[in-house]
Amino acid sequence: MSAPTTTPPATGGAPARPPATARGAAPTRRRRGRGRTAALSVLALVVALAWVFPVYWMWSSSLLPNSRLQSFTPTFFPTGGSLENYQAVLGRGNFVQALTMSLTITLLSVVVCLLFAFLAALAISRYRFRGRTSFVLAVLIIQMLPAEGLFIAQYKLMQGIGGLESVWGTSILYVAAVVPFTVWMLRGFVSAIPADLEEAAMVDGLSRPRAFFRITFPLLAPGLVASGVYAFLQCWNEFTIALVILQREENRTLPLWLRSFVQASVTREIDWGQVMAASSLVAVPVIVFFLLVQNRMTSGLVSGAVKG
């Protein structure tokens, strides 16, 4: 009876080759990975086109006359377009007035909102005090209240204190509407910064206020920018509160000014070319603002996503 033959283990020389099944699985995994990446890239491209196309369609339509916009054949490229719609919109004379009103109310609201939200976020993140939990719950509940249910109370309140048709009256309501969510945004950024950094700076000889403003406050800059962008967009695009509080034509903000182009449909045909030109003009300040703060805003959003 002969002894069974066994393969001796490799002890030197060329390294042992992996089994054939393992050599075939690696290229298969790479092909599947490339296929998954290609599918996700196509999906991302489709989503990006869905976001960009309405903006392109608005800009393209603003360069075309109303007759071409209402034809049965859609015009995807503004060949032969002109700036006549922009000249007509700017010729109405109240665009600059509405732009000034919107900028004044929005900037005032954003500054006050960030101030209150920053102090509130700092208090609930760094300190333990009686009523802290109730305050946090109140912030959550306020966000759930429907804005439409508050219009009558807000109108009566502004009427009582003389805030109708005024910048400060509208700004108070904007701040009240935006502050709760801004507090939650800033709370995550403040909680992500260890208090040990300030304590270490105080051990080195800095006072508590100087340690805060020299160590913690610069680290909060991305969070403040991200929260400011959110507050800016909410105030800039707000329509219903402005419609209730600002009823005079000379006090209209840009969303109310844009609505005046559609209101003309009661007496005449809507000039969609001018509507698109006015919409493009309303979007320009927002685009400029994004270009100025995009770097800070991106780092702030990523920081909040990772640490929050």
C-alpha atoms as a PDB file:
ATOM      1  CA  MET A   1       0.000   0.000   0.000  1.00  0.00           C
ATOM      2  CA  SER A   2       1.551   3.288  -1.123  1.00  0.00           C
ATOM      3  CA  ALA A   3       1.610   6.442   1.098  1.00  0.00           C
ATOM      4  CA  PRO A   4      -0.608   9.455  -0.024  1.00  0.00           C
ATOM      5  CA  THR A   5       1.206  12.300  -1.826  1.00  0.00           C
ATOM      6  CA  THR A   6       1.036  15.809  -0.327  1.00  0.00           C
ATOM      7  CA  THR A   7       2.163  19.162  -1.731  1.00  0.00           C
ATOM      8  CA  PRO A   8       4.872  20.671   0.454  1.00  0.00           C
ATOM      9  CA  PRO A   9       4.305  24.266   1.621  1.00  0.00           C
ATOM     10  CA  ALA A  10       6.277  26.995  -0.138  1.00  0.00           C
ATOM     11  CA  THR A  11       9.164  28.011   2.073  1.00  0.00           C
ATOM     12  CA  GLY A  12      11.126  30.305  -0.251  1.00  0.00           C
ATOM     13  CA  GLY A  13      11.690  31.374  -3.838  1.00  0.00           C
ATOM     14  CA  ALA A  14       8.696  32.739  -5.796  1.00  0.00           C
ATOM     15  CA  PRO A  15       5.646  33.770  -3.729  1.00  0.00           C
ATOM     16  CA  ALA A  16       2.683  31.442  -3.753  1.00  0.00           C
ATOM     17  CA  ARG A  17       0.095  32.326  -6.400  1.00  0.00           C
ATOM     18  CA  PRO A  18      -3.465  32.967  -5.166  1.00  0.00           C
ATOM     19  CA  PRO A  19      -6.111  30.443  -6.077  1.00  0.00           C
ATOM     20  CA  ALA A  20      -7.692  30.763  -9.508  1.00  0.00           C
ATOM     21  CA  THR A  21     -11.069  31.753  -8.008  1.00  0.00           C
ATOM     22  CA  ALA A  22      -9.468  34.699  -6.143  1.00  0.00           C
ATOM     23  CA  ARG A  23      -7.644  35.858  -9.300  1.00  0.00           C
ATOM     24  CA  GLY A  24     -10.946  35.936 -11.180  1.00  0.00           C
ATOM     25  CA  ALA A  25     -12.908  37.676  -8.408  1.00  0.00           C
ATOM     26  CA  ALA A  26     -10.702  40.777  -8.243  1.00  0.00           C
ATOM     27  CA  PRO A  27     -11.313  41.943 -11.865  1.00  0.00           C
ATOM     28  CA  THR A  28     -15.003  41.195 -11.412  1.00  0.00           C
ATOM     29  CA  ARG A  29     -15.154  43.450  -8.345  1.00  0.00           C
ATOM     30  CA  ARG A  30     -13.287  46.188 -10.220  1.00  0.00           C
ATOM     31  CA  ARG A  31     -15.710  45.956 -13.145  1.00  0.00           C
ATOM     32  CA  ARG A  32     -18.680  46.131 -10.765  1.00  0.00           C
ATOM     33  CA  GLY A  33     -17.123  49.127  -9.007  1.00  0.00           C
ATOM     34  CA  ARG A  34     -16.590  50.956 -12.298  1.00  0.00           C
ATOM     35  CA  GLY A  35     -20.134  50.147 -13.380  1.00  0.00           C
ATOM     36  CA  ARG A  36     -21.553  51.455 -10.093  1.00  0.00           C
ATOM     37  CA  THR A  37     -19.479  54.624 -10.359  1.00  0.00           C
ATOM     38  CA  ALA A  38     -20.652  55.202 -13.946  1.00  0.00           C
ATOM     39  CA  ALA A  39     -24.297  54.687 -12.959  1.00  0.00           C
ATOM     40  CA  LEU A  40     -23.975  57.134 -10.044  1.00  0.00           C
ATOM     41  CA  SER A  41     -22.263  59.668 -12.319  1.00  0.00           C
ATOM     42  CA  VAL A  42     -25.097  59.460 -14.838  1.00  0.00           C
ATOM     43  CA  LEU A  43     -27.652  59.848 -12.027  1.00  0.00           C
ATOM     44  CA  ALA A  44     -25.781  62.870 -10.633  1.00  0.00           C
ATOM     45  CA  LEU A  45     -25.669  64.407 -14.120  1.00  0.00           C
ATOM     46  CA  VAL A  46     -29.423  63.937 -14.554  1.00  0.00           C
ATOM     47  CA  VAL A  47     -30.118  65.540 -11.157  1.00  0.00           C
ATOM     48  CA  ALA A  48     -27.787  68.447 -11.976  1.00  0.00           C
ATOM     49  CA  LEU A  49     -29.542  69.019 -15.313  1.00  0.00           C
ATOM     50  CA  ALA A  50     -32.927  68.963 -13.565  1.00  0.00           C
ATOM     51  CA  TRP A  51     -31.691  71.736 -11.253  1.00  0.00           C
ATOM     52  CA  VAL A  52     -29.937  73.817 -13.877  1.00  0.00           C
ATOM     53  CA  PHE A  53     -32.495  73.602 -16.673  1.00  0.00           C
ATOM     54  CA  PRO A  54     -35.177  75.827 -15.020  1.00  0.00           C
ATOM     55  CA  VAL A  55     -32.555  78.530 -14.467  1.00  0.00           C
ATOM     56  CA  TYR A  56     -31.388  78.255 -18.067  1.00  0.00           C
ATOM     57  CA  TRP A  57     -34.991  78.304 -19.307  1.00  0.00           C
ATOM     58  CA  MET A  58     -35.701  81.467 -17.282  1.00  0.00           C
ATOM     59  CA  TRP A  59     -32.620  83.225 -18.663  1.00  0.00           C
ATOM     60  CA  SER A  60     -33.237  82.023 -22.216  1.00  0.00           C
ATOM     61  CA  SER A  61     -36.882  83.099 -22.149  1.00  0.00           C
ATOM     62  CA  SER A  62     -35.947  86.547 -20.838  1.00  0.00           C
ATOM     63  CA  LEU A  63     -34.171  87.240 -24.146  1.00  0.00           C
ATOM     64  CA  LEU A  64     -37.102  86.299 -26.392  1.00  0.00           C
ATOM     65  CA  PRO A  65     -40.216  88.270 -27.330  1.00  0.00           C
ATOM     66  CA  ASN A  66     -43.591  87.189 -26.027  1.00  0.00           C
ATOM     67  CA  SER A  67     -44.734  86.017 -29.474  1.00  0.00           C
ATOM     68  CA  ARG A  68     -41.958  83.403 -29.655  1.00  0.00           C
ATOM     69  CA  LEU A  69     -42.543  82.263 -26.060  1.00  0.00           C
ATOM     70  CA  GLN A  70     -46.239  81.574 -26.732  1.00  0.00           C
ATOM     71  CA  SER A  71     -45.706  79.690 -29.977  1.00  0.00           C
ATOM     72  CA  PHE A  72     -46.394  75.946 -30.091  1.00  0.00           C
ATOM     73  CA  THR A  73     -42.764  75.249 -31.050  1.00  0.00           C
ATOM     74  CA  PRO A  74     -40.530  75.627 -27.980  1.00  0.00           C
ATOM     75  CA  THR A  75     -37.353  77.655 -28.379  1.00  0.00           C
ATOM     76  CA  PHE A  76     -34.519  75.988 -26.513  1.00  0.00           C
ATOM     77  CA  PHE A  77     -31.800  78.373 -27.702  1.00  0.00           C
ATOM     78  CA  PRO A  78     -32.327  82.168 -27.650  1.00  0.00           C
ATOM     79  CA  THR A  79     -31.144  82.740 -31.216  1.00  0.00           C
ATOM     80  CA  GLY A  80     -31.984  86.246 -32.341  1.00  0.00           C
ATOM     81  CA  GLY A  81     -32.746  87.321 -28.781  1.00  0.00           C
ATOM     82  CA  SER A  82     -32.383  90.823 -27.390  1.00  0.00           C
ATOM     83  CA  LEU A  83     -32.355  92.780 -24.121  1.00  0.00           C
ATOM     84  CA  GLU A  84     -35.664  94.525 -24.803  1.00  0.00           C
ATOM     85  CA  ASN A  85     -37.401  92.719 -21.936  1.00  0.00           C
ATOM     86  CA  TYR A  86     -34.732  93.906 -19.476  1.00  0.00           C
ATOM     87  CA  GLN A  87     -35.023  97.465 -20.803  1.00  0.00           C
ATOM     88  CA  ALA A  88     -38.795  97.340 -20.381  1.00  0.00           C
ATOM     89  CA  VAL A  89     -38.541  95.963 -16.839  1.00  0.00           C
ATOM     90  CA  LEU A  90     -35.929  98.488 -15.735  1.00  0.00           C
ATOM     91  CA  GLY A  91     -37.893 101.246 -17.476  1.00  0.00           C
ATOM     92  CA  ARG A  92     -40.782 100.798 -15.074  1.00  0.00           C
ATOM     93  CA  GLY A  93     -38.732 102.751 -12.546  1.00  0.00           C
ATOM     94  CA  ASN A  94     -39.541 100.857  -9.348  1.00  0.00           C
ATOM     95  CA  PHE A  95     -37.016  98.026  -9.578  1.00  0.00           C
ATOM     96  CA  VAL A  96     -34.299  99.943  -7.730  1.00  0.00           C
ATOM     97  CA  GLN A  97     -36.805 100.976  -5.070  1.00  0.00           C
ATOM     98  CA  ALA A  98     -37.899  97.378  -4.499  1.00  0.00           C
ATOM     99  CA  LEU A  99     -34.282  96.179  -4.552  1.00  0.00           C
ATOM    100  CA  THR A 100     -33.328  98.728  -1.907  1.00  0.00           C
ATOM    101  CA  MET A 101     -36.282  97.703   0.260  1.00  0.00           C
ATOM    102  CA  SER A 102     -35.427  94.005  -0.018  1.00  0.00           C
ATOM    103  CA  LEU A 103     -31.741  94.535   0.709  1.00  0.00           C
ATOM    104  CA  THR A 104     -32.449  96.744   3.733  1.00  0.00           C
ATOM    105  CA  ILE A 105     -34.951  94.353   5.310  1.00  0.00           C
ATOM    106  CA  THR A 106     -32.905  91.249   4.528  1.00  0.00           C
ATOM    107  CA  LEU A 107     -29.557  92.529   5.786  1.00  0.00           C
ATOM    108  CA  LEU A 108     -31.090  93.979   8.957  1.00  0.00           C
ATOM    109  CA  SER A 109     -32.949  90.726   9.620  1.00  0.00           C
ATOM    110  CA  VAL A 110     -29.868  88.556   9.004  1.00  0.00           C
ATOM    111  CA  VAL A 111     -27.654  90.602  11.351  1.00  0.00           C
ATOM    112  CA  VAL A 112     -30.201  90.607  14.176  1.00  0.00           C
ATOM    113  CA  CYS A 113     -31.069  86.949  13.600  1.00  0.00           C
ATOM    114  CA  LEU A 114     -27.428  85.840  13.755  1.00  0.00           C
ATOM    115  CA  LEU A 115     -26.853  87.865  16.918  1.00  0.00           C
ATOM    116  CA  PHE A 116     -29.792  86.315  18.781  1.00  0.00           C
ATOM    117  CA  ALA A 117     -29.212  82.827  17.381  1.00  0.00           C
ATOM    118  CA  PHE A 118     -25.514  82.899  18.262  1.00  0.00           C
ATOM    119  CA  LEU A 119     -26.150  83.910  21.872  1.00  0.00           C
ATOM    120  CA  ALA A 120     -28.933  81.336  22.248  1.00  0.00           C
ATOM    121  CA  ALA A 121     -26.849  78.538  20.695  1.00  0.00           C
ATOM    122  CA  LEU A 122     -23.917  79.422  22.932  1.00  0.00           C
ATOM    123  CA  ALA A 123     -26.122  79.361  26.033  1.00  0.00           C
ATOM    124  CA  ILE A 124     -27.775  75.995  25.395  1.00  0.00           C
ATOM    125  CA  SER A 125     -24.522  74.359  24.242  1.00  0.00           C
ATOM    126  CA  ARG A 126     -22.062  75.535  26.895  1.00  0.00           C
ATOM    127  CA  TYR A 127     -24.151  76.171  30.014  1.00  0.00           C
ATOM    128  CA  ARG A 128     -26.512  74.163  32.194  1.00  0.00           C
ATOM    129  CA  PHE A 129     -29.268  76.302  33.675  1.00  0.00           C
ATOM    130  CA  ARG A 130     -32.811  75.910  34.902  1.00  0.00           C
ATOM    131  CA  GLY A 131     -35.296  75.924  32.051  1.00  0.00           C
ATOM    132  CA  ARG A 132     -32.741  74.884  29.435  1.00  0.00           C
ATOM    133  CA  THR A 133     -34.738  71.844  28.317  1.00  0.00           C
ATOM    134  CA  SER A 134     -37.949  73.878  28.182  1.00  0.00           C
ATOM    135  CA  PHE A 135     -36.225  76.479  26.036  1.00  0.00           C
ATOM    136  CA  VAL A 136     -34.968  73.840  23.591  1.00  0.00           C
ATOM    137  CA  LEU A 137     -38.450  72.310  23.364  1.00  0.00           C
ATOM    138  CA  ALA A 138     -39.951  75.761  22.798  1.00  0.00           C
ATOM    139  CA  VAL A 139     -37.580  76.331  19.875  1.00  0.00           C
ATOM    140  CA  LEU A 140     -38.657  73.007  18.375  1.00  0.00           C
ATOM    141  CA  ILE A 141     -42.375  73.677  18.844  1.00  0.00           C
ATOM    142  CA  ILE A 142     -42.152  77.181  17.358  1.00  0.00           C
ATOM    143  CA  GLN A 143     -40.706  75.704  14.166  1.00  0.00           C
ATOM    144  CA  MET A 144     -43.765  73.473  13.828  1.00  0.00           C
ATOM    145  CA  LEU A 145     -46.319  76.285  13.932  1.00  0.00           C
ATOM    146  CA  PRO A 146     -47.867  77.044  10.507  1.00  0.00           C
ATOM    147  CA  ALA A 147     -47.030  80.572   9.396  1.00  0.00           C
ATOM    148  CA  GLU A 148     -50.537  81.108   7.990  1.00  0.00           C
ATOM    149  CA  GLY A 149     -52.029  80.759  11.466  1.00  0.00           C
ATOM    150  CA  LEU A 150     -49.989  83.693  12.751  1.00  0.00           C
ATOM    151  CA  PHE A 151     -50.743  86.303  10.100  1.00  0.00           C
ATOM    152  CA  ILE A 152     -53.733  87.885  11.834  1.00  0.00           C
ATOM    153  CA  ALA A 153     -51.956  88.049  15.197  1.00  0.00           C
ATOM    154  CA  GLN A 154     -48.825  89.473  13.558  1.00  0.00           C
ATOM    155  CA  TYR A 155     -50.830  92.076  11.663  1.00  0.00           C
ATOM    156  CA  LYS A 156     -52.661  93.201  14.804  1.00  0.00           C
ATOM    157  CA  LEU A 157     -49.382  93.322  16.714  1.00  0.00           C
ATOM    158  CA  MET A 158     -47.676  95.465  14.056  1.00  0.00           C
ATOM    159  CA  GLN A 159     -50.739  97.668  13.834  1.00  0.00           C
ATOM    160  CA  GLY A 160     -50.653  98.193  17.596  1.00  0.00           C
ATOM    161  CA  ILE A 161     -46.986  99.190  17.733  1.00  0.00           C
ATOM    162  CA  GLY A 162     -46.942 101.116  14.451  1.00  0.00           C
ATOM    163  CA  GLY A 163     -44.882  98.567  12.533  1.00  0.00           C
ATOM    164  CA  LEU A 164     -47.034  98.401   9.398  1.00  0.00           C
ATOM    165  CA  GLU A 165     -45.386  99.653   6.180  1.00  0.00           C
ATOM    166  CA  SER A 166     -42.021  99.860   7.935  1.00  0.00           C
ATOM    167  CA  VAL A 167     -38.624  98.197   7.584  1.00  0.00           C
ATOM    168  CA  TRP A 168     -38.198  97.499  11.279  1.00  0.00           C
ATOM    169  CA  GLY A 169     -41.692  96.006  11.662  1.00  0.00           C
ATOM    170  CA  THR A 170     -41.146  93.596   8.778  1.00  0.00           C
ATOM    171  CA  SER A 171     -37.656  92.754  10.032  1.00  0.00           C
ATOM    172  CA  ILE A 172     -39.004  91.801  13.469  1.00  0.00           C
ATOM    173  CA  LEU A 173     -41.340  89.251  11.900  1.00  0.00           C
ATOM    174  CA  TYR A 174     -38.590  87.918   9.636  1.00  0.00           C
ATOM    175  CA  VAL A 175     -36.257  87.467  12.610  1.00  0.00           C
ATOM    176  CA  ALA A 176     -38.969  85.691  14.593  1.00  0.00           C
ATOM    177  CA  ALA A 177     -39.559  83.324  11.674  1.00  0.00           C
ATOM    178  CA  VAL A 178     -35.907  82.494  10.973  1.00  0.00           C
ATOM    179  CA  VAL A 179     -34.319  82.463  14.443  1.00  0.00           C
ATOM    180  CA  PRO A 180     -35.552  79.006  15.647  1.00  0.00           C
ATOM    181  CA  PHE A 181     -33.946  77.001  12.852  1.00  0.00           C
ATOM    182  CA  THR A 182     -30.840  79.186  12.912  1.00  0.00           C
ATOM    183  CA  VAL A 183     -30.422  78.408  16.614  1.00  0.00           C
ATOM    184  CA  TRP A 184     -30.453  74.708  15.825  1.00  0.00           C
ATOM    185  CA  MET A 185     -27.893  75.125  13.079  1.00  0.00           C
ATOM    186  CA  LEU A 186     -25.499  77.119  15.238  1.00  0.00           C
ATOM    187  CA  ARG A 187     -26.014  74.816  18.219  1.00  0.00           C
ATOM    188  CA  GLY A 188     -24.396  71.965  16.298  1.00  0.00           C
ATOM    189  CA  PHE A 189     -21.381  74.081  15.372  1.00  0.00           C
ATOM    190  CA  VAL A 190     -20.882  75.362  18.930  1.00  0.00           C
ATOM    191  CA  SER A 191     -21.187  71.875  20.433  1.00  0.00           C
ATOM    192  CA  ALA A 192     -18.584  70.551  17.973  1.00  0.00           C
ATOM    193  CA  ILE A 193     -15.878  72.870  19.365  1.00  0.00           C
ATOM    194  CA  PRO A 194     -14.368  71.488  22.619  1.00  0.00           C
ATOM    195  CA  ALA A 195     -14.485  73.840  25.572  1.00  0.00           C
ATOM    196  CA  ASP A 196     -11.029  72.511  26.495  1.00  0.00           C
ATOM    197  CA  LEU A 197      -9.524  74.814  23.866  1.00  0.00           C
ATOM    198  CA  GLU A 198     -10.721  77.875  25.754  1.00  0.00           C
ATOM    199  CA  GLU A 199      -9.615  76.426  29.076  1.00  0.00           C
ATOM    200  CA  ALA A 200      -6.144  75.753  27.677  1.00  0.00           C
ATOM    201  CA  ALA A 201      -5.941  79.340  26.458  1.00  0.00           C
ATOM    202  CA  MET A 202      -7.041  80.566  29.894  1.00  0.00           C
ATOM    203  CA  VAL A 203      -4.293  78.458  31.509  1.00  0.00           C
ATOM    204  CA  ASP A 204      -1.860  80.281  29.219  1.00  0.00           C
ATOM    205  CA  GLY A 205      -2.981  83.595  30.652  1.00  0.00           C
ATOM    206  CA  LEU A 206      -5.896  84.786  28.521  1.00  0.00           C
ATOM    207  CA  SER A 207      -9.074  86.040  30.117  1.00  0.00           C
ATOM    208  CA  ARG A 208     -12.306  84.166  29.353  1.00  0.00           C
ATOM    209  CA  PRO A 209     -13.637  86.732  26.812  1.00  0.00           C
ATOM    210  CA  ARG A 210     -10.265  86.935  25.043  1.00  0.00           C
ATOM    211  CA  ALA A 211      -9.954  83.152  24.970  1.00  0.00           C
ATOM    212  CA  PHE A 212     -13.396  82.898  23.426  1.00  0.00           C
ATOM    213  CA  PHE A 213     -12.885  85.525  20.731  1.00  0.00           C
ATOM    214  CA  ARG A 214      -9.335  84.423  19.880  1.00  0.00           C
ATOM    215  CA  ILE A 215      -9.874  80.631  19.940  1.00  0.00           C
ATOM    216  CA  THR A 216     -13.543  79.655  19.628  1.00  0.00           C
ATOM    217  CA  PHE A 217     -15.041  82.480  17.586  1.00  0.00           C
ATOM    218  CA  PRO A 218     -12.759  82.009  14.511  1.00  0.00           C
ATOM    219  CA  LEU A 219     -13.647  78.308  14.480  1.00  0.00           C
ATOM    220  CA  LEU A 220     -17.333  79.262  14.390  1.00  0.00           C
ATOM    221  CA  ALA A 221     -16.940  81.420  11.278  1.00  0.00           C
ATOM    222  CA  PRO A 222     -18.018  78.685   8.789  1.00  0.00           C
ATOM    223  CA  GLY A 223     -21.077  77.951  10.899  1.00  0.00           C
ATOM    224  CA  LEU A 224     -22.011  81.621  11.078  1.00  0.00           C
ATOM    225  CA  VAL A 225     -21.651  81.957   7.312  1.00  0.00           C
ATOM    226  CA  ALA A 226     -23.744  78.849   6.627  1.00  0.00           C
ATOM    227  CA  SER A 227     -26.444  80.041   9.028  1.00  0.00           C
ATOM    228  CA  GLY A 228     -26.293  83.535   7.526  1.00  0.00           C
ATOM    229  CA  VAL A 229     -26.809  82.142   4.037  1.00  0.00           C
ATOM    230  CA  TYR A 230     -29.850  80.214   5.224  1.00  0.00           C
ATOM    231  CA  ALA A 231     -31.295  83.317   6.911  1.00  0.00           C
ATOM    232  CA  PHE A 232     -30.530  85.445   3.838  1.00  0.00           C
ATOM    233  CA  LEU A 233     -32.375  83.113   1.483  1.00  0.00           C
ATOM    234  CA  GLN A 234     -35.373  82.809   3.804  1.00  0.00           C
ATOM    235  CA  CYS A 235     -35.702  86.594   4.143  1.00  0.00           C
ATOM    236  CA  TRP A 236     -34.927  87.383   0.499  1.00  0.00           C
ATOM    237  CA  ASN A 237     -37.560  85.014  -0.883  1.00  0.00           C
ATOM    238  CA  GLU A 238     -40.208  85.665   1.782  1.00  0.00           C
ATOM    239  CA  PHE A 239     -43.536  86.699   0.262  1.00  0.00           C
ATOM    240  CA  THR A 240     -46.531  86.231   2.539  1.00  0.00           C
ATOM    241  CA  ILE A 241     -45.399  88.334   5.517  1.00  0.00           C
ATOM    242  CA  ALA A 242     -44.381  91.144   3.175  1.00  0.00           C
ATOM    243  CA  LEU A 243     -47.764  90.896   1.445  1.00  0.00           C
ATOM    244  CA  VAL A 244     -49.544  91.351   4.790  1.00  0.00           C
ATOM    245  CA  ILE A 245     -47.321  94.071   6.276  1.00  0.00           C
ATOM    246  CA  LEU A 246     -46.206  96.045   3.200  1.00  0.00           C
ATOM    247  CA  GLN A 247     -49.274  96.989   1.185  1.00  0.00           C
ATOM    248  CA  ARG A 248     -48.210 100.312  -0.279  1.00  0.00           C
ATOM    249  CA  GLU A 249     -46.632 100.211  -3.714  1.00  0.00           C
ATOM    250  CA  GLU A 250     -43.615 102.281  -2.677  1.00  0.00           C
ATOM    251  CA  ASN A 251     -42.796  99.808   0.137  1.00  0.00           C
ATOM    252  CA  ARG A 252     -42.884  96.624  -1.919  1.00  0.00           C
ATOM    253  CA  THR A 253     -40.044  94.129  -1.751  1.00  0.00           C
ATOM    254  CA  LEU A 254     -38.768  92.295  -4.822  1.00  0.00           C
ATOM    255  CA  PRO A 255     -41.126  89.258  -4.491  1.00  0.00           C
ATOM    256  CA  LEU A 256     -44.100  91.669  -4.348  1.00  0.00           C
ATOM    257  CA  TRP A 257     -42.656  93.676  -7.232  1.00  0.00           C
ATOM    258  CA  LEU A 258     -42.326  90.468  -9.272  1.00  0.00           C
ATOM    259  CA  ARG A 259     -45.938  89.592  -8.485  1.00  0.00           C
ATOM    260  CA  SER A 260     -47.080  92.856 -10.101  1.00  0.00           C
ATOM    261  CA  PHE A 261     -46.125  91.454 -13.525  1.00  0.00           C
ATOM    262  CA  VAL A 262     -48.557  88.555 -13.116  1.00  0.00           C
ATOM    263  CA  GLN A 263     -51.278  90.751 -11.624  1.00  0.00           C
ATOM    264  CA  ALA A 264     -51.443  92.565 -14.963  1.00  0.00           C
ATOM    265  CA  SER A 265     -53.061  89.442 -16.417  1.00  0.00           C
ATOM    266  CA  VAL A 266     -56.432  90.641 -15.138  1.00  0.00           C
ATOM    267  CA  THR A 267     -56.470  93.492 -17.608  1.00  0.00           C
ATOM    268  CA  ARG A 268     -54.104  92.299 -20.358  1.00  0.00           C
ATOM    269  CA  GLU A 269     -52.048  89.372 -21.579  1.00  0.00           C
ATOM    270  CA  ILE A 270     -49.077  88.373 -19.465  1.00  0.00           C
ATOM    271  CA  ASP A 271     -45.758  89.345 -20.989  1.00  0.00           C
ATOM    272  CA  TRP A 272     -43.774  86.248 -20.027  1.00  0.00           C
ATOM    273  CA  GLY A 273     -40.603  87.677 -21.480  1.00  0.00           C
ATOM    274  CA  GLN A 274     -40.732  90.533 -18.978  1.00  0.00           C
ATOM    275  CA  VAL A 275     -41.666  88.134 -16.188  1.00  0.00           C
ATOM    276  CA  MET A 276     -38.589  86.039 -16.950  1.00  0.00           C
ATOM    277  CA  ALA A 277     -36.403  89.140 -17.201  1.00  0.00           C
ATOM    278  CA  ALA A 278     -37.685  90.378 -13.833  1.00  0.00           C
ATOM    279  CA  SER A 279     -37.088  86.923 -12.304  1.00  0.00           C
ATOM    280  CA  SER A 280     -33.511  86.957 -13.615  1.00  0.00           C
ATOM    281  CA  LEU A 281     -32.919  90.370 -12.066  1.00  0.00           C
ATOM    282  CA  VAL A 282     -34.271  89.168  -8.717  1.00  0.00           C
ATOM    283  CA  ALA A 283     -31.865  86.203  -8.810  1.00  0.00           C
ATOM    284  CA  VAL A 284     -28.754  88.295  -9.526  1.00  0.00           C
ATOM    285  CA  PRO A 285     -28.145  89.536  -5.920  1.00  0.00           C
ATOM    286  CA  VAL A 286     -28.498  85.991  -4.586  1.00  0.00           C
ATOM    287  CA  ILE A 287     -25.966  84.672  -7.119  1.00  0.00           C
ATOM    288  CA  VAL A 288     -23.512  87.443  -6.232  1.00  0.00           C
ATOM    289  CA  PHE A 289     -23.949  86.688  -2.530  1.00  0.00           C
ATOM    290  CA  PHE A 290     -23.290  82.978  -3.112  1.00  0.00           C
ATOM    291  CA  LEU A 291     -20.150  83.720  -5.100  1.00  0.00           C
ATOM    292  CA  LEU A 292     -18.828  85.840  -2.237  1.00  0.00           C
ATOM    293  CA  VAL A 293     -19.416  83.282   0.530  1.00  0.00           C
ATOM    294  CA  GLN A 294     -19.317  79.937  -1.288  1.00  0.00           C
ATOM    295  CA  ASN A 295     -15.985  78.804   0.163  1.00  0.00           C
ATOM    296  CA  ARG A 296     -16.953  79.559   3.748  1.00  0.00           C
ATOM    297  CA  MET A 297     -20.431  78.130   3.258  1.00  0.00           C
ATOM    298  CA  THR A 298     -19.148  74.828   1.844  1.00  0.00           C
ATOM    299  CA  SER A 299     -16.669  74.312   4.663  1.00  0.00           C
ATOM    300  CA  GLY A 300     -19.367  75.172   7.184  1.00  0.00           C
ATOM    301  CA  LEU A 301     -21.865  72.696   5.772  1.00  0.00           C
ATOM    302  CA  VAL A 302     -19.268  69.921   5.617  1.00  0.00           C
ATOM    303  CA  SER A 303     -18.105  70.679   9.145  1.00  0.00           C
ATOM    304  CA  GLY A 304     -21.652  70.503  10.437  1.00  0.00           C
ATOM    305  CA  ALA A 305     -22.288  67.251   8.597  1.00  0.00           C
ATOM    306  CA  VAL A 306     -19.198  65.548  10.024  1.00  0.00           C
ATOM    307  CA  LYS A 307     -19.179  66.836  13.569  1.00  0.00           C
ATOM    308  CA  GLY A 308     -22.797  67.778  14.188  1.00  0.00           C
END
